[in-house]
Amino acid sequence: MVKYYSCTLDLTFSALGDPIRRGILLKLTHGKVSASELARPFQVSLPAISKHLRVLENAGLIARERDGRIHRFHIVPRRLKEASHWINRYRKFWEERFESLEKYLEPINKEEKT
């Protein structure tokens, strides 16, 4: 289970590491969109967009539906939820650590001000 979870997180964060792929996901938040529509706002070729779409598909972040020659894509939220849960667990951890550090430094800061 841990190995699977780690692999899926690696794929998810790797896919999210590119600004074009994040832009594609943002565009897909409005619903199903064709590959050509997804390519419009970006200054890259359609084959380059296709590669980005494959990365997102392989990471499980999007899914493809075929309607004849038109391919429409939509978000698959499961992997994003997993990444969000992972981030939130560590966010809570670090917030607790920073609060502890702040309490520790509070007397020192008061001494410096006087």
PDB file of N, CA and C in Angstrom:
ATOM      1  N   MET A   1       0.828  -1.201   0.000  1.00  0.00           N
ATOM      2  CA  MET A   1       0.000   0.000   0.000  1.00  0.00           C
ATOM      3  C   MET A   1       0.868   1.260   0.000  1.00  0.00           C
ATOM      4  N   VAL A   2       1.899   1.287   0.835  1.00  0.00           N
ATOM      5  CA  VAL A   2       2.750   2.463   0.918  1.00  0.00           C
ATOM      6  C   VAL A   2       3.463   2.692  -0.400  1.00  0.00           C
ATOM      7  N   LYS A   3       3.963   1.615  -1.007  1.00  0.00           N
ATOM      8  CA  LYS A   3       4.671   1.750  -2.277  1.00  0.00           C
ATOM      9  C   LYS A   3       3.728   2.286  -3.353  1.00  0.00           C
ATOM     10  N   TYR A   4       2.503   1.757  -3.432  1.00  0.00           N
ATOM     11  CA  TYR A   4       1.525   2.235  -4.412  1.00  0.00           C
ATOM     12  C   TYR A   4       1.224   3.703  -4.179  1.00  0.00           C
ATOM     13  N   TYR A   5       0.975   4.064  -2.927  1.00  0.00           N
ATOM     14  CA  TYR A   5       0.639   5.441  -2.585  1.00  0.00           C
ATOM     15  C   TYR A   5       1.779   6.373  -2.956  1.00  0.00           C
ATOM     16  N   SER A   6       2.993   5.941  -2.672  1.00  0.00           N
ATOM     17  CA  SER A   6       4.168   6.746  -2.998  1.00  0.00           C
ATOM     18  C   SER A   6       4.308   6.924  -4.506  1.00  0.00           C
ATOM     19  N   CYS A   7       4.095   5.863  -5.263  1.00  0.00           N
ATOM     20  CA  CYS A   7       4.202   5.953  -6.730  1.00  0.00           C
ATOM     21  C   CYS A   7       3.155   6.890  -7.307  1.00  0.00           C
ATOM     22  N   THR A   8       1.932   6.803  -6.813  1.00  0.00           N
ATOM     23  CA  THR A   8       0.882   7.671  -7.347  1.00  0.00           C
ATOM     24  C   THR A   8       1.146   9.118  -6.979  1.00  0.00           C
ATOM     25  N   LEU A   9       1.645   9.349  -5.777  1.00  0.00           N
ATOM     26  CA  LEU A   9       1.985  10.722  -5.397  1.00  0.00           C
ATOM     27  C   LEU A   9       3.125  11.255  -6.259  1.00  0.00           C
ATOM     28  N   ASP A  10       4.112  10.413  -6.531  1.00  0.00           N
ATOM     29  CA  ASP A  10       5.225  10.833  -7.391  1.00  0.00           C
ATOM     30  C   ASP A  10       4.715  11.234  -8.768  1.00  0.00           C
ATOM     31  N   LEU A  11       3.838  10.417  -9.337  1.00  0.00           N
ATOM     32  CA  LEU A  11       3.277  10.731 -10.651  1.00  0.00           C
ATOM     33  C   LEU A  11       2.459  12.012 -10.609  1.00  0.00           C
ATOM     34  N   THR A  12       1.676  12.165  -9.555  1.00  0.00           N
ATOM     35  CA  THR A  12       0.828  13.351  -9.421  1.00  0.00           C
ATOM     36  C   THR A  12       1.668  14.617  -9.324  1.00  0.00           C
ATOM     37  N   PHE A  13       2.635  14.631  -8.419  1.00  0.00           N
ATOM     38  CA  PHE A  13       3.442  15.836  -8.241  1.00  0.00           C
ATOM     39  C   PHE A  13       4.330  16.106  -9.446  1.00  0.00           C
ATOM     40  N   SER A  14       4.783  15.058 -10.094  1.00  0.00           N
ATOM     41  CA  SER A  14       5.572  15.240 -11.314  1.00  0.00           C
ATOM     42  C   SER A  14       4.717  15.892 -12.399  1.00  0.00           C
ATOM     43  N   ALA A  15       3.494  15.409 -12.542  1.00  0.00           N
ATOM     44  CA  ALA A  15       2.584  15.979 -13.542  1.00  0.00           C
ATOM     45  C   ALA A  15       2.237  17.424 -13.210  1.00  0.00           C
ATOM     46  N   LEU A  16       2.077  17.718 -11.932  1.00  0.00           N
ATOM     47  CA  LEU A  16       1.720  19.080 -11.509  1.00  0.00           C
ATOM     48  C   LEU A  16       2.903  20.035 -11.557  1.00  0.00           C
ATOM     49  N   GLY A  17       4.095  19.512 -11.770  1.00  0.00           N
ATOM     50  CA  GLY A  17       5.294  20.336 -11.784  1.00  0.00           C
ATOM     51  C   GLY A  17       5.444  21.214 -13.002  1.00  0.00           C
ATOM     52  N   ASP A  18       4.629  21.025 -14.005  1.00  0.00           N
ATOM     53  CA  ASP A  18       4.732  21.803 -15.234  1.00  0.00           C
ATOM     54  C   ASP A  18       3.606  22.829 -15.303  1.00  0.00           C
ATOM     55  N   PRO A  19       3.921  24.092 -15.601  1.00  0.00           N
ATOM     56  CA  PRO A  19       2.880  25.134 -15.634  1.00  0.00           C
ATOM     57  C   PRO A  19       1.834  24.910 -16.724  1.00  0.00           C
ATOM     58  N   ILE A  20       2.210  24.318 -17.833  1.00  0.00           N
ATOM     59  CA  ILE A  20       1.217  24.052 -18.887  1.00  0.00           C
ATOM     60  C   ILE A  20       0.215  23.018 -18.399  1.00  0.00           C
ATOM     61  N   ARG A  21       0.702  21.971 -17.744  1.00  0.00           N
ATOM     62  CA  ARG A  21      -0.215  20.938 -17.239  1.00  0.00           C
ATOM     63  C   ARG A  21      -1.121  21.503 -16.153  1.00  0.00           C
ATOM     64  N   ARG A  22      -0.582  22.382 -15.307  1.00  0.00           N
ATOM     65  CA  ARG A  22      -1.453  23.021 -14.306  1.00  0.00           C
ATOM     66  C   ARG A  22      -2.494  23.897 -14.987  1.00  0.00           C
ATOM     67  N   GLY A  23      -2.109  24.566 -16.060  1.00  0.00           N
ATOM     68  CA  GLY A  23      -3.061  25.379 -16.826  1.00  0.00           C
ATOM     69  C   GLY A  23      -4.149  24.532 -17.469  1.00  0.00           C
ATOM     70  N   ILE A  24      -3.751  23.367 -17.968  1.00  0.00           N
ATOM     71  CA  ILE A  24      -4.726  22.443 -18.563  1.00  0.00           C
ATOM     72  C   ILE A  24      -5.726  22.009 -17.497  1.00  0.00           C
ATOM     73  N   LEU A  25      -5.230  21.639 -16.323  1.00  0.00           N
ATOM     74  CA  LEU A  25      -6.138  21.232 -15.247  1.00  0.00           C
ATOM     75  C   LEU A  25      -7.082  22.359 -14.855  1.00  0.00           C
ATOM     76  N   LEU A  26      -6.560  23.575 -14.814  1.00  0.00           N
ATOM     77  CA  LEU A  26      -7.403  24.727 -14.488  1.00  0.00           C
ATOM     78  C   LEU A  26      -8.520  24.877 -15.513  1.00  0.00           C
ATOM     79  N   LYS A  27      -8.174  24.741 -16.774  1.00  0.00           N
ATOM     80  CA  LYS A  27      -9.184  24.849 -17.836  1.00  0.00           C
ATOM     81  C   LYS A  27     -10.225  23.737 -17.726  1.00  0.00           C
ATOM     82  N   LEU A  28      -9.788  22.561 -17.288  1.00  0.00           N
ATOM     83  CA  LEU A  28     -10.711  21.428 -17.163  1.00  0.00           C
ATOM     84  C   LEU A  28     -11.639  21.542 -15.958  1.00  0.00           C
ATOM     85  N   THR A  29     -11.393  22.498 -15.075  1.00  0.00           N
ATOM     86  CA  THR A  29     -12.304  22.680 -13.944  1.00  0.00           C
ATOM     87  C   THR A  29     -13.670  23.178 -14.410  1.00  0.00           C
ATOM     88  N   HIS A  30     -13.739  23.670 -15.645  1.00  0.00           N
ATOM     89  CA  HIS A  30     -15.010  24.169 -16.190  1.00  0.00           C
ATOM     90  C   HIS A  30     -15.795  23.090 -16.923  1.00  0.00           C
ATOM     91  N   GLY A  31     -15.248  21.866 -16.973  1.00  0.00           N
ATOM     92  CA  GLY A  31     -15.951  20.765 -17.632  1.00  0.00           C
ATOM     93  C   GLY A  31     -15.106  20.125 -18.709  1.00  0.00           C
ATOM     94  N   LYS A  32     -15.755  19.269 -19.495  1.00  0.00           N
ATOM     95  CA  LYS A  32     -15.066  18.529 -20.552  1.00  0.00           C
ATOM     96  C   LYS A  32     -14.625  19.469 -21.665  1.00  0.00           C
ATOM     97  N   VAL A  33     -13.376  19.271 -22.115  1.00  0.00           N
ATOM     98  CA  VAL A  33     -12.805  20.145 -23.137  1.00  0.00           C
ATOM     99  C   VAL A  33     -12.031  19.292 -24.134  1.00  0.00           C
ATOM    100  N   SER A  34     -12.099  19.656 -25.407  1.00  0.00           N
ATOM    101  CA  SER A  34     -11.358  18.929 -26.441  1.00  0.00           C
ATOM    102  C   SER A  34      -9.885  19.311 -26.396  1.00  0.00           C
ATOM    103  N   ALA A  35      -9.045  18.469 -26.997  1.00  0.00           N
ATOM    104  CA  ALA A  35      -7.601  18.718 -27.019  1.00  0.00           C
ATOM    105  C   ALA A  35      -7.282  20.032 -27.740  1.00  0.00           C
ATOM    106  N   SER A  36      -7.957  20.290 -28.844  1.00  0.00           N
ATOM    107  CA  SER A  36      -7.674  21.527 -29.583  1.00  0.00           C
ATOM    108  C   SER A  36      -8.067  22.765 -28.777  1.00  0.00           C
ATOM    109  N   GLU A  37      -9.160  22.684 -28.021  1.00  0.00           N
ATOM    110  CA  GLU A  37      -9.556  23.799 -27.164  1.00  0.00           C
ATOM    111  C   GLU A  37      -8.543  24.007 -26.035  1.00  0.00           C
ATOM    112  N   LEU A  38      -8.009  22.902 -25.520  1.00  0.00           N
ATOM    113  CA  LEU A  38      -7.016  22.993 -24.456  1.00  0.00           C
ATOM    114  C   LEU A  38      -5.727  23.630 -24.950  1.00  0.00           C
ATOM    115  N   ALA A  39      -5.415  23.417 -26.220  1.00  0.00           N
ATOM    116  CA  ALA A  39      -4.159  23.922 -26.789  1.00  0.00           C
ATOM    117  C   ALA A  39      -4.196  25.424 -27.059  1.00  0.00           C
ATOM    118  N   ARG A  40      -5.376  25.979 -27.278  1.00  0.00           N
ATOM    119  CA  ARG A  40      -5.499  27.389 -27.697  1.00  0.00           C
ATOM    120  C   ARG A  40      -4.716  28.402 -26.868  1.00  0.00           C
ATOM    121  N   PRO A  41      -4.851  28.401 -25.546  1.00  0.00           N
ATOM    122  CA  PRO A  41      -4.193  29.483 -24.798  1.00  0.00           C
ATOM    123  C   PRO A  41      -2.674  29.341 -24.665  1.00  0.00           C
ATOM    124  N   PHE A  42      -2.127  28.214 -25.086  1.00  0.00           N
ATOM    125  CA  PHE A  42      -0.703  27.967 -24.894  1.00  0.00           C
ATOM    126  C   PHE A  42       0.071  28.171 -26.190  1.00  0.00           C
ATOM    127  N   GLN A  43       1.300  28.630 -26.068  1.00  0.00           N
ATOM    128  CA  GLN A  43       2.160  28.881 -27.221  1.00  0.00           C
ATOM    129  C   GLN A  43       2.984  27.641 -27.568  1.00  0.00           C
ATOM    130  N   VAL A  44       2.315  26.491 -27.613  1.00  0.00           N
ATOM    131  CA  VAL A  44       2.986  25.245 -27.979  1.00  0.00           C
ATOM    132  C   VAL A  44       2.152  24.523 -29.025  1.00  0.00           C
ATOM    133  N   SER A  45       2.758  23.575 -29.704  1.00  0.00           N
ATOM    134  CA  SER A  45       2.078  22.838 -30.767  1.00  0.00           C
ATOM    135  C   SER A  45       1.058  21.854 -30.192  1.00  0.00           C
ATOM    136  N   LEU A  46       0.157  21.406 -31.042  1.00  0.00           N
ATOM    137  CA  LEU A  46      -0.830  20.404 -30.641  1.00  0.00           C
ATOM    138  C   LEU A  46      -0.150  19.097 -30.216  1.00  0.00           C
ATOM    139  N   PRO A  47       0.919  18.644 -30.930  1.00  0.00           N
ATOM    140  CA  PRO A  47       1.613  17.444 -30.455  1.00  0.00           C
ATOM    141  C   PRO A  47       2.211  17.623 -29.050  1.00  0.00           C
ATOM    142  N   ALA A  48       2.685  18.814 -28.742  1.00  0.00           N
ATOM    143  CA  ALA A  48       3.220  19.070 -27.397  1.00  0.00           C
ATOM    144  C   ALA A  48       2.098  18.996 -26.358  1.00  0.00           C
ATOM    145  N   ILE A  49       0.950  19.547 -26.699  1.00  0.00           N
ATOM    146  CA  ILE A  49      -0.215  19.464 -25.791  1.00  0.00           C
ATOM    147  C   ILE A  49      -0.608  18.007 -25.597  1.00  0.00           C
ATOM    148  N   SER A  50      -0.562  17.222 -26.671  1.00  0.00           N
ATOM    149  CA  SER A  50      -0.884  15.793 -26.573  1.00  0.00           C
ATOM    150  C   SER A  50       0.046  15.086 -25.594  1.00  0.00           C
ATOM    151  N   LYS A  51       1.317  15.443 -25.609  1.00  0.00           N
ATOM    152  CA  LYS A  51       2.267  14.842 -24.662  1.00  0.00           C
ATOM    153  C   LYS A  51       1.915  15.229 -23.232  1.00  0.00           C
ATOM    154  N   HIS A  52       1.562  16.491 -23.032  1.00  0.00           N
ATOM    155  CA  HIS A  52       1.157  16.930 -21.700  1.00  0.00           C
ATOM    156  C   HIS A  52      -0.102  16.191 -21.244  1.00  0.00           C
ATOM    157  N   LEU A  53      -1.028  16.002 -22.160  1.00  0.00           N
ATOM    158  CA  LEU A  53      -2.265  15.288 -21.824  1.00  0.00           C
ATOM    159  C   LEU A  53      -1.974  13.836 -21.443  1.00  0.00           C
ATOM    160  N   ARG A  54      -1.025  13.200 -22.140  1.00  0.00           N
ATOM    161  CA  ARG A  54      -0.655  11.823 -21.802  1.00  0.00           C
ATOM    162  C   ARG A  54      -0.038  11.743 -20.407  1.00  0.00           C
ATOM    163  N   VAL A  55       0.784  12.720 -20.066  1.00  0.00           N
ATOM    164  CA  VAL A  55       1.381  12.745 -18.720  1.00  0.00           C
ATOM    165  C   VAL A  55       0.278  12.850 -17.669  1.00  0.00           C
ATOM    166  N   LEU A  56      -0.672  13.747 -17.904  1.00  0.00           N
ATOM    167  CA  LEU A  56      -1.783  13.909 -16.965  1.00  0.00           C
ATOM    168  C   LEU A  56      -2.639  12.651 -16.887  1.00  0.00           C
ATOM    169  N   GLU A  57      -2.852  12.004 -18.029  1.00  0.00           N
ATOM    170  CA  GLU A  57      -3.612  10.742 -18.044  1.00  0.00           C
ATOM    171  C   GLU A  57      -2.869   9.652 -17.282  1.00  0.00           C
ATOM    172  N   ASN A  58      -1.572   9.517 -17.544  1.00  0.00           N
ATOM    173  CA  ASN A  58      -0.777   8.484 -16.877  1.00  0.00           C
ATOM    174  C   ASN A  58      -0.723   8.695 -15.367  1.00  0.00           C
ATOM    175  N   ALA A  59      -0.816   9.924 -14.946  1.00  0.00           N
ATOM    176  CA  ALA A  59      -0.842  10.237 -13.514  1.00  0.00           C
ATOM    177  C   ALA A  59      -2.230  10.016 -12.920  1.00  0.00           C
ATOM    178  N   GLY A  60      -3.223   9.767 -13.760  1.00  0.00           N
ATOM    179  CA  GLY A  60      -4.577   9.546 -13.279  1.00  0.00           C
ATOM    180  C   GLY A  60      -5.312  10.821 -12.932  1.00  0.00           C
ATOM    181  N   LEU A  61      -4.805  11.962 -13.416  1.00  0.00           N
ATOM    182  CA  LEU A  61      -5.429  13.250 -13.097  1.00  0.00           C
ATOM    183  C   LEU A  61      -6.551  13.620 -14.053  1.00  0.00           C
ATOM    184  N   ILE A  62      -6.500  13.083 -15.267  1.00  0.00           N
ATOM    185  CA  ILE A  62      -7.555  13.347 -16.249  1.00  0.00           C
ATOM    186  C   ILE A  62      -7.924  12.045 -16.949  1.00  0.00           C
ATOM    187  N   ALA A  63      -9.067  12.062 -17.597  1.00  0.00           N
ATOM    188  CA  ALA A  63      -9.516  10.922 -18.407  1.00  0.00           C
ATOM    189  C   ALA A  63      -9.975  11.445 -19.759  1.00  0.00           C
ATOM    190  N   ARG A  64      -9.906  10.561 -20.743  1.00  0.00           N
ATOM    191  CA  ARG A  64     -10.237  10.902 -22.123  1.00  0.00           C
ATOM    192  C   ARG A  64     -11.516  10.183 -22.540  1.00  0.00           C
ATOM    193  N   GLU A  65     -12.358  10.897 -23.257  1.00  0.00           N
ATOM    194  CA  GLU A  65     -13.548  10.299 -23.884  1.00  0.00           C
ATOM    195  C   GLU A  65     -13.460  10.571 -25.373  1.00  0.00           C
ATOM    196  N   ARG A  66     -13.729   9.577 -26.166  1.00  0.00           N
ATOM    197  CA  ARG A  66     -13.688   9.752 -27.620  1.00  0.00           C
ATOM    198  C   ARG A  66     -15.094   9.850 -28.170  1.00  0.00           C
ATOM    199  N   ASP A  67     -15.272  10.847 -29.004  1.00  0.00           N
ATOM    200  CA  ASP A  67     -16.534  11.040 -29.708  1.00  0.00           C
ATOM    201  C   ASP A  67     -16.160  11.177 -31.182  1.00  0.00           C
ATOM    202  N   GLY A  68     -16.040  10.049 -31.862  1.00  0.00           N
ATOM    203  CA  GLY A  68     -15.547  10.057 -33.233  1.00  0.00           C
ATOM    204  C   GLY A  68     -14.082  10.450 -33.236  1.00  0.00           C
ATOM    205  N   ARG A  69     -13.765  11.513 -33.952  1.00  0.00           N
ATOM    206  CA  ARG A  69     -12.380  11.979 -34.023  1.00  0.00           C
ATOM    207  C   ARG A  69     -12.028  12.972 -32.915  1.00  0.00           C
ATOM    208  N   ILE A  70     -13.044  13.392 -32.201  1.00  0.00           N
ATOM    209  CA  ILE A  70     -12.822  14.389 -31.147  1.00  0.00           C
ATOM    210  C   ILE A  70     -12.565  13.683 -29.815  1.00  0.00           C
ATOM    211  N   HIS A  71     -11.497  14.107 -29.157  1.00  0.00           N
ATOM    212  CA  HIS A  71     -11.159  13.595 -27.831  1.00  0.00           C
ATOM    213  C   HIS A  71     -11.466  14.694 -26.829  1.00  0.00           C
ATOM    214  N   ARG A  72     -12.312  14.377 -25.866  1.00  0.00           N
ATOM    215  CA  ARG A  72     -12.634  15.326 -24.809  1.00  0.00           C
ATOM    216  C   ARG A  72     -12.038  14.810 -23.505  1.00  0.00           C
ATOM    217  N   PHE A  73     -11.574  15.747 -22.702  1.00  0.00           N
ATOM    218  CA  PHE A  73     -10.908  15.402 -21.456  1.00  0.00           C
ATOM    219  C   PHE A  73     -11.669  15.987 -20.278  1.00  0.00           C
ATOM    220  N   HIS A  74     -11.569  15.308 -19.154  1.00  0.00           N
ATOM    221  CA  HIS A  74     -12.148  15.820 -17.912  1.00  0.00           C
ATOM    222  C   HIS A  74     -11.261  15.413 -16.737  1.00  0.00           C
ATOM    223  N   ILE A  75     -11.397  16.136 -15.650  1.00  0.00           N
ATOM    224  CA  ILE A  75     -10.602  15.874 -14.444  1.00  0.00           C
ATOM    225  C   ILE A  75     -11.118  14.631 -13.740  1.00  0.00           C
ATOM    226  N   VAL A  76     -10.175  13.860 -13.213  1.00  0.00           N
ATOM    227  CA  VAL A  76     -10.484  12.745 -12.320  1.00  0.00           C
ATOM    228  C   VAL A  76      -9.980  13.181 -10.940  1.00  0.00           C
ATOM    229  N   PRO A  77     -10.860  13.536 -10.033  1.00  0.00           N
ATOM    230  CA  PRO A  77     -10.448  14.188  -8.786  1.00  0.00           C
ATOM    231  C   PRO A  77      -9.726  13.295  -7.773  1.00  0.00           C
ATOM    232  N   ARG A  78      -9.790  11.987  -7.913  1.00  0.00           N
ATOM    233  CA  ARG A  78      -9.246  11.094  -6.886  1.00  0.00           C
ATOM    234  C   ARG A  78      -7.773  11.364  -6.575  1.00  0.00           C
ATOM    235  N   ARG A  79      -6.935  11.466  -7.598  1.00  0.00           N
ATOM    236  CA  ARG A  79      -5.498  11.669  -7.373  1.00  0.00           C
ATOM    237  C   ARG A  79      -5.214  13.042  -6.752  1.00  0.00           C
ATOM    238  N   LEU A  80      -5.969  14.054  -7.161  1.00  0.00           N
ATOM    239  CA  LEU A  80      -5.795  15.378  -6.569  1.00  0.00           C
ATOM    240  C   LEU A  80      -6.192  15.362  -5.091  1.00  0.00           C
ATOM    241  N   LYS A  81      -7.219  14.597  -4.764  1.00  0.00           N
ATOM    242  CA  LYS A  81      -7.637  14.475  -3.359  1.00  0.00           C
ATOM    243  C   LYS A  81      -6.548  13.798  -2.543  1.00  0.00           C
ATOM    244  N   GLU A  82      -5.934  12.743  -3.104  1.00  0.00           N
ATOM    245  CA  GLU A  82      -4.854  12.053  -2.401  1.00  0.00           C
ATOM    246  C   GLU A  82      -3.691  13.011  -2.136  1.00  0.00           C
ATOM    247  N   ALA A  83      -3.332  13.791  -3.139  1.00  0.00           N
ATOM    248  CA  ALA A  83      -2.236  14.760  -2.977  1.00  0.00           C
ATOM    249  C   ALA A  83      -2.609  15.819  -1.944  1.00  0.00           C
ATOM    250  N   SER A  84      -3.848  16.262  -1.978  1.00  0.00           N
ATOM    251  CA  SER A  84      -4.325  17.262  -1.033  1.00  0.00           C
ATOM    252  C   SER A  84      -4.259  16.724   0.400  1.00  0.00           C
ATOM    253  N   HIS A  85      -4.662  15.481   0.608  1.00  0.00           N
ATOM    254  CA  HIS A  85      -4.595  14.871   1.939  1.00  0.00           C
ATOM    255  C   HIS A  85      -3.147  14.792   2.417  1.00  0.00           C
ATOM    256  N   TRP A  86      -2.248  14.418   1.525  1.00  0.00           N
ATOM    257  CA  TRP A  86      -0.827  14.317   1.886  1.00  0.00           C
ATOM    258  C   TRP A  86      -0.286  15.690   2.288  1.00  0.00           C
ATOM    259  N   ILE A  87      -0.600  16.701   1.494  1.00  0.00           N
ATOM    260  CA  ILE A  87      -0.140  18.063   1.786  1.00  0.00           C
ATOM    261  C   ILE A  87      -0.720  18.549   3.108  1.00  0.00           C
ATOM    262  N   ASN A  88      -2.005  18.308   3.332  1.00  0.00           N
ATOM    263  CA  ASN A  88      -2.647  18.774   4.569  1.00  0.00           C
ATOM    264  C   ASN A  88      -2.058  18.129   5.810  1.00  0.00           C
ATOM    265  N   ARG A  89      -1.676  16.853   5.704  1.00  0.00           N
ATOM    266  CA  ARG A  89      -1.067  16.172   6.846  1.00  0.00           C
ATOM    267  C   ARG A  89       0.250  16.873   7.217  1.00  0.00           C
ATOM    268  N   TYR A  90       1.061  17.203   6.219  1.00  0.00           N
ATOM    269  CA  TYR A  90       2.326  17.869   6.494  1.00  0.00           C
ATOM    270  C   TYR A  90       2.144  19.341   6.840  1.00  0.00           C
ATOM    271  N   ARG A  91       1.126  19.960   6.297  1.00  0.00           N
ATOM    272  CA  ARG A  91       0.829  21.346   6.662  1.00  0.00           C
ATOM    273  C   ARG A  91       0.525  21.423   8.144  1.00  0.00           C
ATOM    274  N   LYS A  92      -0.295  20.524   8.643  1.00  0.00           N
ATOM    275  CA  LYS A  92      -0.644  20.493  10.063  1.00  0.00           C
ATOM    276  C   LYS A  92       0.618  20.264  10.908  1.00  0.00           C
ATOM    277  N   PHE A  93       1.455  19.342  10.490  1.00  0.00           N
ATOM    278  CA  PHE A  93       2.701  19.062  11.191  1.00  0.00           C
ATOM    279  C   PHE A  93       3.560  20.318  11.304  1.00  0.00           C
ATOM    280  N   TRP A  94       3.762  21.003  10.176  1.00  0.00           N
ATOM    281  CA  TRP A  94       4.632  22.183  10.187  1.00  0.00           C
ATOM    282  C   TRP A  94       4.000  23.355  10.915  1.00  0.00           C
ATOM    283  N   GLU A  95       2.702  23.503  10.849  1.00  0.00           N
ATOM    284  CA  GLU A  95       2.048  24.579  11.601  1.00  0.00           C
ATOM    285  C   GLU A  95       2.251  24.380  13.098  1.00  0.00           C
ATOM    286  N   GLU A  96       2.155  23.124  13.548  1.00  0.00           N
ATOM    287  CA  GLU A  96       2.385  22.834  14.970  1.00  0.00           C
ATOM    288  C   GLU A  96       3.824  23.148  15.352  1.00  0.00           C
ATOM    289  N   ARG A  97       4.748  22.820  14.478  1.00  0.00           N
ATOM    290  CA  ARG A  97       6.170  23.096  14.758  1.00  0.00           C
ATOM    291  C   ARG A  97       6.435  24.606  14.815  1.00  0.00           C
ATOM    292  N   PHE A  98       5.852  25.338  13.903  1.00  0.00           N
ATOM    293  CA  PHE A  98       6.048  26.793  13.890  1.00  0.00           C
ATOM    294  C   PHE A  98       5.411  27.441  15.110  1.00  0.00           C
ATOM    295  N   GLU A  99       4.251  26.941  15.532  1.00  0.00           N
ATOM    296  CA  GLU A  99       3.619  27.472  16.737  1.00  0.00           C
ATOM    297  C   GLU A  99       4.499  27.220  17.956  1.00  0.00           C
ATOM    298  N   SER A 100       5.085  26.040  18.010  1.00  0.00           N
ATOM    299  CA  SER A 100       5.983  25.696  19.106  1.00  0.00           C
ATOM    300  C   SER A 100       7.214  26.601  19.091  1.00  0.00           C
ATOM    301  N   LEU A 101       7.779  26.836  17.931  1.00  0.00           N
ATOM    302  CA  LEU A 101       8.933  27.719  17.797  1.00  0.00           C
ATOM    303  C   LEU A 101       8.571  29.140  18.213  1.00  0.00           C
ATOM    304  N   GLU A 102       7.385  29.595  17.813  1.00  0.00           N
ATOM    305  CA  GLU A 102       6.938  30.938  18.165  1.00  0.00           C
ATOM    306  C   GLU A 102       6.832  31.093  19.688  1.00  0.00           C
ATOM    307  N   LYS A 103       6.287  30.074  20.360  1.00  0.00           N
ATOM    308  CA  LYS A 103       6.175  30.118  21.827  1.00  0.00           C
ATOM    309  C   LYS A 103       7.556  30.136  22.467  1.00  0.00           C
ATOM    310  N   TYR A 104       8.474  29.389  21.904  1.00  0.00           N
ATOM    311  CA  TYR A 104       9.837  29.348  22.422  1.00  0.00           C
ATOM    312  C   TYR A 104      10.534  30.698  22.251  1.00  0.00           C
ATOM    313  N   LEU A 105      10.316  31.341  21.117  1.00  0.00           N
ATOM    314  CA  LEU A 105      10.989  32.607  20.831  1.00  0.00           C
ATOM    315  C   LEU A 105      10.320  33.818  21.466  1.00  0.00           C
ATOM    316  N   GLU A 106       9.103  33.678  21.913  1.00  0.00           N
ATOM    317  CA  GLU A 106       8.353  34.799  22.480  1.00  0.00           C
ATOM    318  C   GLU A 106       9.094  35.510  23.615  1.00  0.00           C
ATOM    319  N   PRO A 107       9.618  34.791  24.615  1.00  0.00           N
ATOM    320  CA  PRO A 107      10.356  35.491  25.686  1.00  0.00           C
ATOM    321  C   PRO A 107      11.619  36.187  25.165  1.00  0.00           C
ATOM    322  N   ILE A 108      12.274  35.604  24.205  1.00  0.00           N
ATOM    323  CA  ILE A 108      13.477  36.201  23.631  1.00  0.00           C
ATOM    324  C   ILE A 108      13.130  37.496  22.916  1.00  0.00           C
ATOM    325  N   ASN A 109      12.055  37.492  22.173  1.00  0.00           N
ATOM    326  CA  ASN A 109      11.613  38.698  21.458  1.00  0.00           C
ATOM    327  C   ASN A 109      11.232  39.812  22.438  1.00  0.00           C
ATOM    328  N   LYS A 110      10.627  39.446  23.560  1.00  0.00           N
ATOM    329  CA  LYS A 110      10.235  40.443  24.551  1.00  0.00           C
ATOM    330  C   LYS A 110      11.478  41.075  25.174  1.00  0.00           C
ATOM    331  N   GLU A 111      12.501  40.246  25.419  1.00  0.00           N
ATOM    332  CA  GLU A 111      13.746  40.762  25.997  1.00  0.00           C
ATOM    333  C   GLU A 111      14.432  41.733  25.056  1.00  0.00           C
ATOM    334  N   GLU A 112      14.408  41.441  23.771  1.00  0.00           N
ATOM    335  CA  GLU A 112      15.062  42.295  22.786  1.00  0.00           C
ATOM    336  C   GLU A 112      14.360  43.648  22.662  1.00  0.00           C
ATOM    337  N   LYS A 113      13.074  43.678  22.879  1.00  0.00           N
ATOM    338  CA  LYS A 113      12.301  44.912  22.738  1.00  0.00           C
ATOM    339  C   LYS A 113      12.495  45.842  23.953  1.00  0.00           C
ATOM    340  N   THR A 114      12.873  45.268  25.069  1.00  0.00           N
ATOM    341  CA  THR A 114      13.031  46.112  26.256  1.00  0.00           C
ATOM    342  C   THR A 114      14.427  46.640  26.411  1.00  0.00           C
TER     343      THR A 114
END
